[in-house]
Amino acid sequence: MITTPTVLVLSVGASYPYGFPTAKGLKELICEQFSSTRAPASQLLSCLNPEGSEYAPEEFSTFRDAFLKSGQPSVDAFYSAGQNSSV
């Protein structure tokens, strides 16, 4: 039994056996789901606010394109590298 306050730092792969994607898998999923402004994920997220969304489908597509072309292996690496400045 752990009696001292403890923090466990796990890699992204630790959740893979439970059905969560790896960093590479998450990148592939994001790039697939936001492949165009008409992609279902882009449309869904832009329609979540019934009063009018603060995000347009084009913004998701812009993010996806920048992320895909960045060469970064994960969302975390993409943001850490500062490659999100135009997004």
PDB file of N, CA and C in Angstrom:
ATOM      1  N   MET A   1       0.833  -1.169   0.000  1.00  0.00           N
ATOM      2  CA  MET A   1       0.000   0.000   0.000  1.00  0.00           C
ATOM      3  C   MET A   1       0.892   1.250   0.000  1.00  0.00           C
ATOM      4  N   ILE A   2       0.516   2.224  -0.814  1.00  0.00           N
ATOM      5  CA  ILE A   2       1.267   3.476  -0.897  1.00  0.00           C
ATOM      6  C   ILE A   2       0.763   4.397   0.208  1.00  0.00           C
ATOM      7  N   THR A   3       1.653   4.826   1.089  1.00  0.00           N
ATOM      8  CA  THR A   3       1.259   5.695   2.203  1.00  0.00           C
ATOM      9  C   THR A   3       1.734   7.126   2.029  1.00  0.00           C
ATOM     10  N   THR A   4       2.621   7.370   1.077  1.00  0.00           N
ATOM     11  CA  THR A   4       3.145   8.704   0.798  1.00  0.00           C
ATOM     12  C   THR A   4       2.444   9.245  -0.445  1.00  0.00           C
ATOM     13  N   PRO A   5       2.069  10.545  -0.453  1.00  0.00           N
ATOM     14  CA  PRO A   5       1.476  11.099  -1.672  1.00  0.00           C
ATOM     15  C   PRO A   5       2.384  10.806  -2.869  1.00  0.00           C
ATOM     16  N   THR A   6       1.813  10.228  -3.900  1.00  0.00           N
ATOM     17  CA  THR A   6       2.588   9.748  -5.035  1.00  0.00           C
ATOM     18  C   THR A   6       1.928  10.170  -6.345  1.00  0.00           C
ATOM     19  N   VAL A   7       2.744  10.549  -7.297  1.00  0.00           N
ATOM     20  CA  VAL A   7       2.263  10.881  -8.639  1.00  0.00           C
ATOM     21  C   VAL A   7       2.839   9.851  -9.590  1.00  0.00           C
ATOM     22  N   LEU A   8       1.975   9.253 -10.388  1.00  0.00           N
ATOM     23  CA  LEU A   8       2.418   8.304 -11.403  1.00  0.00           C
ATOM     24  C   LEU A   8       2.360   8.996 -12.759  1.00  0.00           C
ATOM     25  N   VAL A   9       3.441   8.962 -13.477  1.00  0.00           N
ATOM     26  CA  VAL A   9       3.493   9.538 -14.817  1.00  0.00           C
ATOM     27  C   VAL A   9       3.574   8.371 -15.786  1.00  0.00           C
ATOM     28  N   LEU A  10       2.521   8.229 -16.577  1.00  0.00           N
ATOM     29  CA  LEU A  10       2.437   7.103 -17.504  1.00  0.00           C
ATOM     30  C   LEU A  10       2.521   7.614 -18.935  1.00  0.00           C
ATOM     31  N   SER A  11       3.090   6.830 -19.783  1.00  0.00           N
ATOM     32  CA  SER A  11       3.147   7.211 -21.193  1.00  0.00           C
ATOM     33  C   SER A  11       1.791   6.948 -21.826  1.00  0.00           C
ATOM     34  N   VAL A  12       1.612   7.516 -23.000  1.00  0.00           N
ATOM     35  CA  VAL A  12       0.341   7.361 -23.709  1.00  0.00           C
ATOM     36  C   VAL A  12       0.028   5.889 -23.973  1.00  0.00           C
ATOM     37  N   GLY A  13       1.028   5.078 -24.122  1.00  0.00           N
ATOM     38  CA  GLY A  13       0.811   3.663 -24.393  1.00  0.00           C
ATOM     39  C   GLY A  13       0.186   2.903 -23.234  1.00  0.00           C
ATOM     40  N   ALA A  14       0.237   3.473 -22.029  1.00  0.00           N
ATOM     41  CA  ALA A  14      -0.322   2.791 -20.860  1.00  0.00           C
ATOM     42  C   ALA A  14      -1.831   2.604 -20.963  1.00  0.00           C
ATOM     43  N   SER A  15      -2.511   3.470 -21.682  1.00  0.00           N
ATOM     44  CA  SER A  15      -3.967   3.365 -21.808  1.00  0.00           C
ATOM     45  C   SER A  15      -4.401   2.559 -23.033  1.00  0.00           C
ATOM     46  N   TYR A  16      -3.452   2.214 -23.885  1.00  0.00           N
ATOM     47  CA  TYR A  16      -3.768   1.479 -25.118  1.00  0.00           C
ATOM     48  C   TYR A  16      -4.506   0.167 -24.858  1.00  0.00           C
ATOM     49  N   PRO A  17      -4.109  -0.637 -23.874  1.00  0.00           N
ATOM     50  CA  PRO A  17      -4.826  -1.895 -23.628  1.00  0.00           C
ATOM     51  C   PRO A  17      -6.290  -1.690 -23.227  1.00  0.00           C
ATOM     52  N   TYR A  18      -6.646  -0.459 -22.859  1.00  0.00           N
ATOM     53  CA  TYR A  18      -8.019  -0.169 -22.445  1.00  0.00           C
ATOM     54  C   TYR A  18      -8.837   0.463 -23.569  1.00  0.00           C
ATOM     55  N   GLY A  19      -8.298   0.438 -24.768  1.00  0.00           N
ATOM     56  CA  GLY A  19      -9.050   0.910 -25.926  1.00  0.00           C
ATOM     57  C   GLY A  19      -8.795   2.343 -26.343  1.00  0.00           C
ATOM     58  N   PHE A  20      -7.873   3.022 -25.667  1.00  0.00           N
ATOM     59  CA  PHE A  20      -7.552   4.382 -26.057  1.00  0.00           C
ATOM     60  C   PHE A  20      -6.437   4.352 -27.095  1.00  0.00           C
ATOM     61  N   PRO A  21      -6.423   5.330 -28.006  1.00  0.00           N
ATOM     62  CA  PRO A  21      -5.401   5.312 -29.054  1.00  0.00           C
ATOM     63  C   PRO A  21      -4.028   5.720 -28.543  1.00  0.00           C
ATOM     64  N   THR A  22      -3.016   5.287 -29.251  1.00  0.00           N
ATOM     65  CA  THR A  22      -1.652   5.759 -29.002  1.00  0.00           C
ATOM     66  C   THR A  22      -1.560   7.173 -29.569  1.00  0.00           C
ATOM     67  N   ALA A  23      -0.451   7.845 -29.346  1.00  0.00           N
ATOM     68  CA  ALA A  23      -0.262   9.195 -29.895  1.00  0.00           C
ATOM     69  C   ALA A  23      -0.395   9.167 -31.421  1.00  0.00           C
ATOM     70  N   LYS A  24       0.215   8.173 -32.042  1.00  0.00           N
ATOM     71  CA  LYS A  24       0.131   8.038 -33.502  1.00  0.00           C
ATOM     72  C   LYS A  24      -1.309   7.776 -33.930  1.00  0.00           C
ATOM     73  N   GLY A  25      -1.985   6.910 -33.201  1.00  0.00           N
ATOM     74  CA  GLY A  25      -3.376   6.596 -33.531  1.00  0.00           C
ATOM     75  C   GLY A  25      -4.287   7.797 -33.379  1.00  0.00           C
ATOM     76  N   LEU A  26      -4.038   8.618 -32.353  1.00  0.00           N
ATOM     77  CA  LEU A  26      -4.846   9.822 -32.151  1.00  0.00           C
ATOM     78  C   LEU A  26      -4.612  10.815 -33.281  1.00  0.00           C
ATOM     79  N   LYS A  27      -3.368  10.960 -33.714  1.00  0.00           N
ATOM     80  CA  LYS A  27      -3.080  11.852 -34.840  1.00  0.00           C
ATOM     81  C   LYS A  27      -3.817  11.374 -36.082  1.00  0.00           C
ATOM     82  N   GLU A  28      -3.777  10.077 -36.358  1.00  0.00           N
ATOM     83  CA  GLU A  28      -4.463   9.531 -37.531  1.00  0.00           C
ATOM     84  C   GLU A  28      -5.974   9.761 -37.428  1.00  0.00           C
ATOM     85  N   LEU A  29      -6.518   9.574 -36.239  1.00  0.00           N
ATOM     86  CA  LEU A  29      -7.955   9.768 -36.025  1.00  0.00           C
ATOM     87  C   LEU A  29      -8.348  11.227 -36.249  1.00  0.00           C
ATOM     88  N   ILE A  30      -7.589  12.151 -35.691  1.00  0.00           N
ATOM     89  CA  ILE A  30      -7.874  13.582 -35.876  1.00  0.00           C
ATOM     90  C   ILE A  30      -7.810  13.947 -37.357  1.00  0.00           C
ATOM     91  N   CYS A  31      -6.768  13.505 -38.023  1.00  0.00           N
ATOM     92  CA  CYS A  31      -6.595  13.851 -39.435  1.00  0.00           C
ATOM     93  C   CYS A  31      -7.682  13.229 -40.312  1.00  0.00           C
ATOM     94  N   GLU A  32      -8.154  12.069 -39.939  1.00  0.00           N
ATOM     95  CA  GLU A  32      -9.233  11.418 -40.685  1.00  0.00           C
ATOM     96  C   GLU A  32     -10.581  12.095 -40.411  1.00  0.00           C
ATOM     97  N   GLN A  33     -10.875  12.340 -39.155  1.00  0.00           N
ATOM     98  CA  GLN A  33     -12.182  12.884 -38.783  1.00  0.00           C
ATOM     99  C   GLN A  33     -12.396  14.338 -39.205  1.00  0.00           C
ATOM    100  N   PHE A  34     -11.304  15.073 -39.392  1.00  0.00           N
ATOM    101  CA  PHE A  34     -11.410  16.471 -39.798  1.00  0.00           C
ATOM    102  C   PHE A  34     -10.811  16.678 -41.183  1.00  0.00           C
ATOM    103  N   SER A  35     -11.011  15.704 -42.068  1.00  0.00           N
ATOM    104  CA  SER A  35     -10.395  15.725 -43.396  1.00  0.00           C
ATOM    105  C   SER A  35     -10.933  16.827 -44.300  1.00  0.00           C
ATOM    106  N   SER A  36     -12.107  17.336 -44.019  1.00  0.00           N
ATOM    107  CA  SER A  36     -12.665  18.422 -44.814  1.00  0.00           C
ATOM    108  C   SER A  36     -13.661  19.196 -43.964  1.00  0.00           C
ATOM    109  N   THR A  37     -14.092  20.336 -44.490  1.00  0.00           N
ATOM    110  CA  THR A  37     -15.079  21.129 -43.751  1.00  0.00           C
ATOM    111  C   THR A  37     -16.432  20.434 -43.710  1.00  0.00           C
ATOM    112  N   ARG A  38     -16.636  19.464 -44.594  1.00  0.00           N
ATOM    113  CA  ARG A  38     -17.899  18.715 -44.598  1.00  0.00           C
ATOM    114  C   ARG A  38     -17.820  17.422 -43.804  1.00  0.00           C
ATOM    115  N   ALA A  39     -16.652  17.127 -43.255  1.00  0.00           N
ATOM    116  CA  ALA A  39     -16.497  15.902 -42.459  1.00  0.00           C
ATOM    117  C   ALA A  39     -17.446  15.968 -41.263  1.00  0.00           C
ATOM    118  N   PRO A  40     -18.053  14.831 -40.901  1.00  0.00           N
ATOM    119  CA  PRO A  40     -19.027  14.827 -39.805  1.00  0.00           C
ATOM    120  C   PRO A  40     -18.511  15.444 -38.509  1.00  0.00           C
ATOM    121  N   ALA A  41     -17.256  15.204 -38.156  1.00  0.00           N
ATOM    122  CA  ALA A  41     -16.722  15.759 -36.908  1.00  0.00           C
ATOM    123  C   ALA A  41     -16.666  17.286 -36.972  1.00  0.00           C
ATOM    124  N   SER A  42     -16.260  17.835 -38.097  1.00  0.00           N
ATOM    125  CA  SER A  42     -16.206  19.289 -38.256  1.00  0.00           C
ATOM    126  C   SER A  42     -17.600  19.891 -38.147  1.00  0.00           C
ATOM    127  N   GLN A  43     -18.547  19.280 -38.786  1.00  0.00           N
ATOM    128  CA  GLN A  43     -19.912  19.774 -38.748  1.00  0.00           C
ATOM    129  C   GLN A  43     -20.504  19.677 -37.341  1.00  0.00           C
ATOM    130  N   LEU A  44     -20.269  18.559 -36.679  1.00  0.00           N
ATOM    131  CA  LEU A  44     -20.802  18.362 -35.335  1.00  0.00           C
ATOM    132  C   LEU A  44     -20.260  19.405 -34.363  1.00  0.00           C
ATOM    133  N   LEU A  45     -18.957  19.591 -34.344  1.00  0.00           N
ATOM    134  CA  LEU A  45     -18.365  20.538 -33.403  1.00  0.00           C
ATOM    135  C   LEU A  45     -18.766  21.971 -33.700  1.00  0.00           C
ATOM    136  N   SER A  46     -18.993  22.304 -34.943  1.00  0.00           N
ATOM    137  CA  SER A  46     -19.394  23.669 -35.272  1.00  0.00           C
ATOM    138  C   SER A  46     -20.862  23.920 -34.955  1.00  0.00           C
ATOM    139  N   CYS A  47     -21.629  22.857 -34.701  1.00  0.00           N
ATOM    140  CA  CYS A  47     -23.062  23.001 -34.422  1.00  0.00           C
ATOM    141  C   CYS A  47     -23.423  22.762 -32.956  1.00  0.00           C
ATOM    142  N   LEU A  48     -22.454  22.547 -32.091  1.00  0.00           N
ATOM    143  CA  LEU A  48     -22.747  22.245 -30.697  1.00  0.00           C
ATOM    144  C   LEU A  48     -23.414  23.393 -29.957  1.00  0.00           C
ATOM    145  N   ASN A  49     -23.110  24.593 -30.322  1.00  0.00           N
ATOM    146  CA  ASN A  49     -23.693  25.753 -29.670  1.00  0.00           C
ATOM    147  C   ASN A  49     -24.935  26.171 -30.461  1.00  0.00           C
ATOM    148  N   PRO A  50     -26.130  25.951 -29.907  1.00  0.00           N
ATOM    149  CA  PRO A  50     -27.356  26.254 -30.659  1.00  0.00           C
ATOM    150  C   PRO A  50     -27.525  27.737 -30.982  1.00  0.00           C
ATOM    151  N   GLU A  51     -26.860  28.605 -30.246  1.00  0.00           N
ATOM    152  CA  GLU A  51     -26.942  30.039 -30.503  1.00  0.00           C
ATOM    153  C   GLU A  51     -26.020  30.468 -31.640  1.00  0.00           C
ATOM    154  N   GLY A  52     -25.242  29.542 -32.131  1.00  0.00           N
ATOM    155  CA  GLY A  52     -24.250  29.854 -33.163  1.00  0.00           C
ATOM    156  C   GLY A  52     -22.881  29.512 -32.626  1.00  0.00           C
ATOM    157  N   SER A  53     -22.158  28.759 -33.371  1.00  0.00           N
ATOM    158  CA  SER A  53     -20.865  28.268 -32.908  1.00  0.00           C
ATOM    159  C   SER A  53     -19.799  29.340 -32.939  1.00  0.00           C
ATOM    160  N   GLU A  54     -18.852  29.224 -32.007  1.00  0.00           N
ATOM    161  CA  GLU A  54     -17.711  30.122 -32.066  1.00  0.00           C
ATOM    162  C   GLU A  54     -16.659  29.585 -33.019  1.00  0.00           C
ATOM    163  N   TYR A  55     -16.853  28.377 -33.530  1.00  0.00           N
ATOM    164  CA  TYR A  55     -15.884  27.752 -34.438  1.00  0.00           C
ATOM    165  C   TYR A  55     -16.552  27.395 -35.751  1.00  0.00           C
ATOM    166  N   ALA A  56     -15.873  27.677 -36.824  1.00  0.00           N
ATOM    167  CA  ALA A  56     -16.366  27.320 -38.148  1.00  0.00           C
ATOM    168  C   ALA A  56     -15.644  26.045 -38.594  1.00  0.00           C
ATOM    169  N   PRO A  57     -16.301  25.221 -39.417  1.00  0.00           N
ATOM    170  CA  PRO A  57     -15.647  24.006 -39.918  1.00  0.00           C
ATOM    171  C   PRO A  57     -14.286  24.273 -40.559  1.00  0.00           C
ATOM    172  N   GLU A  58     -14.113  25.444 -41.151  1.00  0.00           N
ATOM    173  CA  GLU A  58     -12.843  25.785 -41.786  1.00  0.00           C
ATOM    174  C   GLU A  58     -11.700  25.822 -40.758  1.00  0.00           C
ATOM    175  N   GLU A  59     -12.023  26.202 -39.527  1.00  0.00           N
ATOM    176  CA  GLU A  59     -10.988  26.268 -38.497  1.00  0.00           C
ATOM    177  C   GLU A  59     -10.477  24.874 -38.131  1.00  0.00           C
ATOM    178  N   PHE A  60     -11.367  23.904 -38.104  1.00  0.00           N
ATOM    179  CA  PHE A  60     -10.956  22.532 -37.820  1.00  0.00           C
ATOM    180  C   PHE A  60     -10.101  22.002 -38.961  1.00  0.00           C
ATOM    181  N   SER A  61     -10.494  22.331 -40.171  1.00  0.00           N
ATOM    182  CA  SER A  61      -9.736  21.899 -41.338  1.00  0.00           C
ATOM    183  C   SER A  61      -8.347  22.543 -41.355  1.00  0.00           C
ATOM    184  N   THR A  62      -8.268  23.811 -40.970  1.00  0.00           N
ATOM    185  CA  THR A  62      -6.988  24.518 -40.902  1.00  0.00           C
ATOM    186  C   THR A  62      -6.075  23.877 -39.862  1.00  0.00           C
ATOM    187  N   PHE A  63      -6.640  23.565 -38.692  1.00  0.00           N
ATOM    188  CA  PHE A  63      -5.865  22.892 -37.646  1.00  0.00           C
ATOM    189  C   PHE A  63      -5.358  21.549 -38.149  1.00  0.00           C
ATOM    190  N   ARG A  64      -6.241  20.772 -38.742  1.00  0.00           N
ATOM    191  CA  ARG A  64      -5.883  19.444 -39.242  1.00  0.00           C
ATOM    192  C   ARG A  64      -4.754  19.529 -40.259  1.00  0.00           C
ATOM    193  N   ASP A  65      -4.848  20.464 -41.194  1.00  0.00           N
ATOM    194  CA  ASP A  65      -3.805  20.610 -42.221  1.00  0.00           C
ATOM    195  C   ASP A  65      -2.462  20.976 -41.596  1.00  0.00           C
ATOM    196  N   ALA A  66      -2.476  21.923 -40.645  1.00  0.00           N
ATOM    197  CA  ALA A  66      -1.232  22.327 -39.991  1.00  0.00           C
ATOM    198  C   ALA A  66      -0.631  21.170 -39.198  1.00  0.00           C
ATOM    199  N   PHE A  67      -1.474  20.436 -38.487  1.00  0.00           N
ATOM    200  CA  PHE A  67      -1.021  19.294 -37.691  1.00  0.00           C
ATOM    201  C   PHE A  67      -0.455  18.209 -38.593  1.00  0.00           C
ATOM    202  N   LEU A  68      -1.169  17.899 -39.665  1.00  0.00           N
ATOM    203  CA  LEU A  68      -0.736  16.856 -40.594  1.00  0.00           C
ATOM    204  C   LEU A  68       0.611  17.196 -41.230  1.00  0.00           C
ATOM    205  N   LYS A  69       0.785  18.446 -41.633  1.00  0.00           N
ATOM    206  CA  LYS A  69       2.010  18.868 -42.319  1.00  0.00           C
ATOM    207  C   LYS A  69       3.173  19.164 -41.370  1.00  0.00           C
ATOM    208  N   SER A  70       2.892  19.203 -40.068  1.00  0.00           N
ATOM    209  CA  SER A  70       3.913  19.595 -39.091  1.00  0.00           C
ATOM    210  C   SER A  70       5.034  18.575 -38.925  1.00  0.00           C
ATOM    211  N   GLY A  71       4.751  17.319 -39.216  1.00  0.00           N
ATOM    212  CA  GLY A  71       5.741  16.280 -38.986  1.00  0.00           C
ATOM    213  C   GLY A  71       5.828  15.860 -37.524  1.00  0.00           C
ATOM    214  N   GLN A  72       5.020  16.470 -36.681  1.00  0.00           N
ATOM    215  CA  GLN A  72       5.032  16.130 -35.265  1.00  0.00           C
ATOM    216  C   GLN A  72       4.241  14.835 -35.044  1.00  0.00           C
ATOM    217  N   PRO A  73       4.715  13.986 -34.136  1.00  0.00           N
ATOM    218  CA  PRO A  73       4.073  12.682 -33.941  1.00  0.00           C
ATOM    219  C   PRO A  73       2.825  12.703 -33.073  1.00  0.00           C
ATOM    220  N   SER A  74       2.578  13.828 -32.373  1.00  0.00           N
ATOM    221  CA  SER A  74       1.430  13.863 -31.471  1.00  0.00           C
ATOM    222  C   SER A  74       0.909  15.283 -31.336  1.00  0.00           C
ATOM    223  N   VAL A  75      -0.296  15.408 -30.797  1.00  0.00           N
ATOM    224  CA  VAL A  75      -0.880  16.721 -30.539  1.00  0.00           C
ATOM    225  C   VAL A  75      -0.006  17.474 -29.532  1.00  0.00           C
ATOM    226  N   ASP A  76       0.462  16.780 -28.498  1.00  0.00           N
ATOM    227  CA  ASP A  76       1.311  17.416 -27.493  1.00  0.00           C
ATOM    228  C   ASP A  76       2.578  17.982 -28.119  1.00  0.00           C
ATOM    229  N   ALA A  77       3.225  17.207 -28.955  1.00  0.00           N
ATOM    230  CA  ALA A  77       4.455  17.666 -29.612  1.00  0.00           C
ATOM    231  C   ALA A  77       4.157  18.853 -30.530  1.00  0.00           C
ATOM    232  N   PHE A  78       3.028  18.805 -31.208  1.00  0.00           N
ATOM    233  CA  PHE A  78       2.620  19.886 -32.104  1.00  0.00           C
ATOM    234  C   PHE A  78       2.478  21.203 -31.332  1.00  0.00           C
ATOM    235  N   TYR A  79       1.766  21.149 -30.213  1.00  0.00           N
ATOM    236  CA  TYR A  79       1.584  22.366 -29.420  1.00  0.00           C
ATOM    237  C   TYR A  79       2.870  22.781 -28.723  1.00  0.00           C
ATOM    238  N   SER A  80       3.654  21.834 -28.243  1.00  0.00           N
ATOM    239  CA  SER A  80       4.918  22.158 -27.582  1.00  0.00           C
ATOM    240  C   SER A  80       5.894  22.832 -28.530  1.00  0.00           C
ATOM    241  N   ALA A  81       5.833  22.450 -29.799  1.00  0.00           N
ATOM    242  CA  ALA A  81       6.731  23.012 -30.801  1.00  0.00           C
ATOM    243  C   ALA A  81       6.283  24.404 -31.240  1.00  0.00           C
ATOM    244  N   GLY A  82       5.109  24.832 -30.772  1.00  0.00           N
ATOM    245  CA  GLY A  82       4.626  26.152 -31.126  1.00  0.00           C
ATOM    246  C   GLY A  82       4.105  26.232 -32.543  1.00  0.00           C
ATOM    247  N   GLN A  83       3.810  25.078 -33.132  1.00  0.00           N
ATOM    248  CA  GLN A  83       3.365  25.068 -34.519  1.00  0.00           C
ATOM    249  C   GLN A  83       1.888  25.381 -34.637  1.00  0.00           C
ATOM    250  N   ASN A  84       1.263  25.713 -33.535  1.00  0.00           N
ATOM    251  CA  ASN A  84      -0.150  26.029 -33.540  1.00  0.00           C
ATOM    252  C   ASN A  84      -0.391  27.539 -33.630  1.00  0.00           C
ATOM    253  N   SER A  85       0.650  28.336 -33.789  1.00  0.00           N
ATOM    254  CA  SER A  85       0.501  29.788 -33.750  1.00  0.00           C
ATOM    255  C   SER A  85      -0.403  30.309 -34.849  1.00  0.00           C
ATOM    256  N   SER A  86      -0.473  29.626 -35.969  1.00  0.00           N
ATOM    257  CA  SER A  86      -1.336  30.096 -37.057  1.00  0.00           C
ATOM    258  C   SER A  86      -2.717  29.484 -36.972  1.00  0.00           C
ATOM    259  N   VAL A  87      -2.939  28.639 -35.974  1.00  0.00           N
ATOM    260  CA  VAL A  87      -4.229  27.945 -35.847  1.00  0.00           C
ATOM    261  C   VAL A  87      -5.026  28.555 -34.736  1.00  0.00           C
TER     262      VAL A  87
END
